[in-house]
């Protein structure tokens, strides 16, 4: 059984576990501690290195005088004066050092998770920038509506969405006696029927999914749905890096490109991706 001796810490003594010892030395300036195989060795270490023993040795080595002597090193004194003058900078440095110390105490699994989080945050930031650039490029000179009112989003699950067909249908989230009529637009390009709402917005559903998201060997795909058996419906793998956010972005942009090619300038994209909803309502 190991013994952890804390000679200088919050509460000096012999501890049976590392977490107990760690709690006494973490954040304590000048902490002194060591692991021993026997309790006797641990107690001897404390006696030799305790603060009271150091003071006794000083008193034995130096003559006692009535004059008060500042025994602190000049370097330490100067550092303390700087701390008093610039507390903010020192606090920031202390926080960084504390974070570095925390990293050293993390298990390999937690360290890997922390690195993955940083990588995902950077990836999310890059995706936001790429999406903003894409929308800005498509909006310039094309007459394509990219504002929020032209790009409706819905966080509702498919079972709760208002579904429109070429025939009359009872709206799923309205009373059973309420009938919603939808307009049918015909593309001049290929005579393909599209579904639009009462405001003239083309209705399209998009989705993106990724298996093993953020891991090696991840697989992702996109889906674009204009209606049952519609020839422009899309279901294919993601192009580029396979992540969930990449899939959601590619699905939405794919839908916009198809809508624009079919001659529509107002599109209502229905998605359950909170990331895509935030892109259109908060980030832009």
Protein backbone atom coordinates (compact mmCIF):
# COMPACT_ATOMS: atom_id res chain seq x y z
CA UNK A 1 0.00 0.00 0.00
CA UNK A 2 1.51 3.37 -0.96
CA UNK A 3 1.72 6.32 1.41
CA UNK A 4 1.66 9.92 0.24
CA UNK A 5 3.54 12.35 2.44
CA UNK A 6 2.60 16.04 2.27
CA UNK A 7 5.27 18.09 4.03
CA UNK A 8 4.11 21.43 2.66
CA UNK A 9 0.49 21.80 1.60
CA UNK A 10 -2.91 22.90 2.74
CA UNK A 11 -2.91 20.26 5.48
CA UNK A 12 0.41 18.40 5.94
CA UNK A 13 0.17 14.73 6.77
CA UNK A 14 0.26 11.18 5.42
CA UNK A 15 -2.49 10.18 2.98
CA UNK A 16 -3.47 6.77 1.67
CA UNK A 17 -4.60 7.79 -1.82
CA UNK A 18 -3.35 10.12 -4.54
CA UNK A 19 -6.62 12.11 -4.82
CA UNK A 20 -6.39 12.96 -1.11
CA UNK A 21 -2.79 14.05 -1.53
CA UNK A 22 -3.59 15.96 -4.70
CA UNK A 23 -6.30 17.94 -2.94
CA UNK A 24 -3.76 19.20 -0.40
CA UNK A 25 -1.08 20.33 -2.87
CA UNK A 26 -3.11 21.63 -5.80
CA UNK A 27 -2.92 25.42 -5.89
CA UNK A 28 -0.52 25.54 -2.92
CA UNK A 29 2.60 27.59 -3.69
CA UNK A 30 5.79 25.69 -2.83
CA UNK A 31 4.01 22.41 -2.12
CA UNK A 32 6.31 19.52 -1.19
CA UNK A 33 5.10 15.93 -1.27
CA UNK A 34 6.31 12.43 -2.13
CA UNK A 35 5.14 8.83 -2.39
CA UNK A 36 6.64 6.14 -0.09
CA UNK A 37 6.26 2.43 0.37
CA UNK A 38 6.06 2.61 4.18
CA UNK A 39 4.33 4.98 6.56
CA UNK A 40 7.53 5.43 8.58
CA UNK A 41 9.38 6.78 5.55
CA UNK A 42 6.51 9.13 4.80
CA UNK A 43 6.49 10.50 8.36
CA UNK A 44 10.26 10.94 8.29
CA UNK A 45 9.96 12.93 5.03
CA UNK A 46 7.41 15.22 6.67
CA UNK A 47 9.65 15.79 9.71
CA UNK A 48 12.63 16.65 7.53
CA UNK A 49 10.77 18.96 5.17
CA UNK A 50 8.01 20.51 7.27
CA UNK A 51 7.84 24.29 7.66
CA UNK A 52 8.45 24.11 11.41
CA UNK A 53 11.62 22.09 10.92
CA UNK A 54 12.94 24.61 8.38
CA UNK A 55 12.29 27.44 10.82
CA UNK A 56 14.09 25.56 13.61
CA UNK A 57 17.12 25.03 11.35
CA UNK A 58 17.21 28.73 10.48
CA UNK A 59 17.09 29.71 14.11
CA UNK A 60 19.97 27.35 14.82
CA UNK A 61 22.05 28.65 11.93
CA UNK A 62 21.60 32.40 12.42
CA UNK A 63 22.01 34.54 15.55
CA UNK A 64 18.81 35.99 16.99
CA UNK A 65 18.57 39.75 16.65
CA UNK A 66 15.93 42.28 17.51
CA UNK A 67 16.00 43.68 13.98
CA UNK A 68 13.30 42.50 11.59
CA UNK A 69 14.99 40.97 8.53
CA UNK A 70 13.19 40.41 5.25
CA UNK A 71 14.36 36.91 4.28
CA UNK A 72 12.46 36.84 0.99
CA UNK A 73 14.68 36.78 -2.12
CA UNK A 74 14.80 40.00 -4.07
CA UNK A 75 13.39 38.29 -7.14
CA UNK A 76 10.36 37.08 -5.22
CA UNK A 77 9.87 40.51 -3.66
CA UNK A 78 9.94 42.15 -7.08
CA UNK A 79 7.47 39.61 -8.43
CA UNK A 80 5.08 40.30 -5.56
CA UNK A 81 5.26 44.03 -6.26
CA UNK A 82 4.40 43.39 -9.92
CA UNK A 83 1.46 41.26 -8.87
CA UNK A 84 0.12 44.12 -6.76
CA UNK A 85 0.56 46.56 -9.66
CA UNK A 86 -0.96 44.40 -12.45
CA UNK A 87 -3.37 41.92 -10.93
CA UNK A 88 -5.27 41.31 -14.18
CA UNK A 89 -2.25 40.19 -16.19
CA UNK A 90 -1.01 37.94 -13.42
CA UNK A 91 -4.44 36.43 -12.92
CA UNK A 92 -4.58 35.65 -16.63
CA UNK A 93 -1.17 34.01 -16.53
CA UNK A 94 -2.14 32.08 -13.42
CA UNK A 95 -5.28 30.85 -15.12
CA UNK A 96 -3.25 29.65 -18.12
CA UNK A 97 -0.79 27.86 -15.84
CA UNK A 98 -3.67 26.30 -13.94
CA UNK A 99 -5.20 25.08 -17.21
CA UNK A 100 -1.86 23.61 -18.25
CA UNK A 101 -1.60 21.86 -14.90
CA UNK A 102 -5.13 20.52 -15.35
CA UNK A 103 -4.15 19.13 -18.77
CA UNK A 104 -1.31 17.26 -17.14
CA UNK A 105 -3.70 15.62 -14.69
CA UNK A 106 -6.26 14.53 -17.30
CA UNK A 107 -6.45 10.91 -18.32
CA UNK A 108 -5.51 10.04 -21.92
CA UNK A 109 -9.20 9.52 -22.74
CA UNK A 110 -10.21 12.95 -21.44
CA UNK A 111 -7.24 14.56 -23.19
CA UNK A 112 -8.36 12.99 -26.48
CA UNK A 113 -11.93 14.22 -25.91
CA UNK A 114 -10.65 17.74 -25.23
CA UNK A 115 -8.59 17.71 -28.44
CA UNK A 116 -11.59 16.41 -30.41
CA UNK A 117 -13.76 19.24 -29.03
CA UNK A 118 -11.22 21.86 -30.14
CA UNK A 119 -11.05 20.26 -33.59
CA UNK A 120 -14.85 20.19 -33.90
CA UNK A 121 -15.11 23.83 -32.82
CA UNK A 122 -12.64 24.82 -35.54
CA UNK A 123 -14.49 22.67 -38.08
CA UNK A 124 -17.82 24.29 -37.14
CA UNK A 125 -16.30 27.75 -37.54
CA UNK A 126 -14.94 26.81 -40.98
CA UNK A 127 -18.31 25.42 -42.06
CA UNK A 128 -20.07 28.61 -41.00
CA UNK A 129 -17.65 30.69 -43.04
CA UNK A 130 -18.00 28.47 -46.10
CA UNK A 131 -21.78 28.53 -45.89
CA UNK A 132 -21.86 32.34 -45.55
CA UNK A 133 -19.56 32.65 -48.57
CA UNK A 134 -21.76 30.31 -50.60
CA UNK A 135 -24.98 32.19 -49.83
CA UNK A 136 -23.32 35.55 -50.56
CA UNK A 137 -22.01 34.28 -53.90
CA UNK A 138 -25.38 32.88 -54.95
CA UNK A 139 -27.17 36.07 -53.91
CA UNK A 140 -25.04 38.47 -55.97
CA UNK A 141 -26.70 39.27 -59.28
CA UNK A 142 -28.89 36.16 -59.39
CA UNK A 143 -32.11 37.58 -57.99
CA UNK A 144 -32.28 34.51 -55.74
CA UNK A 145 -33.93 35.22 -52.39
CA UNK A 146 -31.54 34.23 -49.59
CA UNK A 147 -32.98 36.21 -46.74
CA UNK A 148 -34.71 34.52 -43.86
CA UNK A 149 -38.16 35.21 -45.31
CA UNK A 150 -37.06 33.47 -48.51
CA UNK A 151 -35.49 30.52 -46.75
CA UNK A 152 -37.98 29.22 -44.22
CA UNK A 153 -36.70 26.68 -41.72
CA UNK A 154 -38.53 24.35 -39.42
CA UNK A 155 -37.17 22.49 -36.40
CA UNK A 156 -40.24 20.26 -36.22
CA UNK A 157 -39.87 16.53 -36.73
CA UNK A 158 -41.32 15.22 -40.01
CA UNK A 159 -44.41 13.82 -38.30
CA UNK A 160 -45.45 17.29 -37.13
CA UNK A 161 -44.73 19.25 -40.31
CA UNK A 162 -47.51 20.56 -42.49
CA UNK A 163 -47.39 18.29 -45.48
CA UNK A 164 -48.59 19.51 -48.87
CA UNK A 165 -49.51 17.24 -51.78
CA UNK A 166 -50.96 17.75 -55.22
CA UNK A 167 -54.34 16.88 -53.73
CA UNK A 168 -56.24 18.27 -50.73
CA UNK A 169 -54.99 16.94 -47.41
CA UNK A 170 -55.83 17.45 -43.75
CA UNK A 171 -53.00 19.38 -42.04
CA UNK A 172 -51.48 17.21 -39.31
CA UNK A 173 -51.13 20.01 -36.76
CA UNK A 174 -54.51 21.65 -37.44
CA UNK A 175 -58.03 20.50 -36.40
CA UNK A 176 -59.28 17.46 -38.29
CA UNK A 177 -61.93 19.55 -40.00
CA UNK A 178 -59.42 22.00 -41.47
CA UNK A 179 -58.50 21.39 -45.10
CA UNK A 180 -55.38 23.03 -46.55
CA UNK A 181 -55.19 23.54 -50.30
CA UNK A 182 -51.80 23.70 -51.98
CA UNK A 183 -50.77 25.26 -55.27
CA UNK A 184 -49.04 23.26 -57.94
CA UNK A 185 -46.39 24.98 -60.05
CA UNK A 186 -45.09 23.55 -63.31
CA UNK A 187 -41.45 23.97 -64.25
CA UNK A 188 -40.88 25.40 -67.70
CA UNK A 189 -37.65 23.42 -67.90
CA UNK A 190 -38.90 19.84 -67.72
CA UNK A 191 -42.62 20.05 -67.05
CA UNK A 192 -42.03 18.57 -63.60
CA UNK A 193 -44.59 19.33 -60.93
CA UNK A 194 -43.41 21.14 -57.80
CA UNK A 195 -45.31 21.89 -54.61
CA UNK A 196 -45.52 25.50 -53.42
CA UNK A 197 -47.23 27.09 -50.45
CA UNK A 198 -49.83 29.86 -50.60
CA UNK A 199 -47.08 32.51 -50.63
CA UNK A 200 -45.42 31.06 -53.71
CA UNK A 201 -42.46 29.44 -51.92
CA UNK A 202 -41.24 26.16 -53.36
CA UNK A 203 -41.43 23.47 -50.68
CA UNK A 204 -38.46 21.14 -50.28
CA UNK A 205 -37.25 18.95 -47.41
CA UNK A 206 -33.57 18.35 -46.71
CA UNK A 207 -31.64 16.16 -44.34
CA UNK A 208 -28.08 15.11 -43.66
CA UNK A 209 -26.77 12.26 -41.55
CA UNK A 210 -23.41 10.88 -40.52
CA UNK A 211 -22.52 7.52 -39.05
CA UNK A 212 -19.63 7.64 -36.53
CA UNK A 213 -19.58 11.44 -36.73
CA UNK A 214 -16.19 12.91 -35.84
CA UNK A 215 -14.40 9.55 -35.96
CA UNK A 216 -12.14 7.79 -38.40
CA UNK A 217 -14.14 5.95 -41.04
CA UNK A 218 -17.24 8.14 -40.70
CA UNK A 219 -19.82 7.88 -43.50
CA UNK A 220 -22.31 10.63 -44.34
CA UNK A 221 -25.11 11.17 -46.83
CA UNK A 222 -27.54 13.85 -47.99
CA UNK A 223 -31.21 13.79 -48.88
CA UNK A 224 -33.34 16.29 -50.82
CA UNK A 225 -37.07 15.63 -51.15
CA UNK A 226 -39.40 17.59 -53.45
CA UNK A 227 -42.23 15.08 -53.34
CA UNK A 228 -43.15 11.47 -53.86
CA UNK A 229 -41.26 9.94 -56.82
CA UNK A 230 -40.05 13.40 -57.87
CA UNK A 231 -37.21 13.13 -60.42
CA UNK A 232 -35.14 15.78 -58.64
CA UNK A 233 -35.12 13.95 -55.31
CA UNK A 234 -31.55 13.34 -54.14
CA UNK A 235 -30.02 10.61 -51.98
CA UNK A 236 -26.26 10.32 -52.25
CA UNK A 237 -23.04 10.30 -50.19
CA UNK A 238 -21.45 13.49 -48.94
CA UNK A 239 -18.76 15.02 -51.11
CA UNK A 240 -15.61 15.75 -49.10
CA UNK A 241 -15.17 15.22 -45.39
CA UNK A 242 -17.92 13.11 -43.84
CA UNK A 243 -19.45 14.99 -40.90
CA UNK A 244 -23.01 15.66 -39.84
CA UNK A 245 -22.76 19.43 -40.37
CA UNK A 246 -21.20 18.97 -43.80
CA UNK A 247 -24.09 16.71 -44.76
CA UNK A 248 -26.71 19.21 -43.56
CA UNK A 249 -25.05 22.08 -45.46
CA UNK A 250 -24.64 20.09 -48.68
CA UNK A 251 -28.27 18.95 -48.56
CA UNK A 252 -29.56 22.53 -48.17
CA UNK A 253 -27.27 24.00 -50.82
CA UNK A 254 -28.11 21.14 -53.18
CA UNK A 255 -31.81 21.95 -52.76
CA UNK A 256 -31.21 25.65 -53.46
CA UNK A 257 -29.20 24.88 -56.59
CA UNK A 258 -31.91 22.56 -57.93
CA UNK A 259 -34.63 25.10 -57.14
CA UNK A 260 -32.72 27.89 -58.87
CA UNK A 261 -32.09 25.72 -61.93
CA UNK A 262 -35.82 24.98 -62.08
CA UNK A 263 -36.60 28.70 -62.18
CA UNK A 264 -37.65 29.34 -58.58
CA UNK A 265 -36.40 32.37 -56.64
CA UNK A 266 -38.33 31.71 -53.42
CA UNK A 267 -37.76 28.48 -51.53
CA UNK A 268 -39.03 27.14 -48.20
CA UNK A 269 -36.48 24.63 -46.95
CA UNK A 270 -37.71 22.34 -44.19
CA UNK A 271 -34.93 20.90 -42.03
CA UNK A 272 -34.61 19.41 -38.56
CA UNK A 273 -31.00 20.62 -38.28
CA UNK A 274 -30.67 23.25 -35.56
CA UNK A 275 -27.28 24.12 -37.03
CA UNK A 276 -28.83 25.03 -40.39
CA UNK A 277 -31.64 26.96 -38.72
CA UNK A 278 -29.07 28.97 -36.76
CA UNK A 279 -27.07 29.59 -39.94
CA UNK A 280 -30.05 31.29 -41.56
CA UNK A 281 -31.59 33.01 -38.53
CA UNK A 282 -28.65 33.87 -36.26
CA UNK A 283 -25.24 33.62 -37.95
CA UNK A 284 -26.07 35.61 -41.10
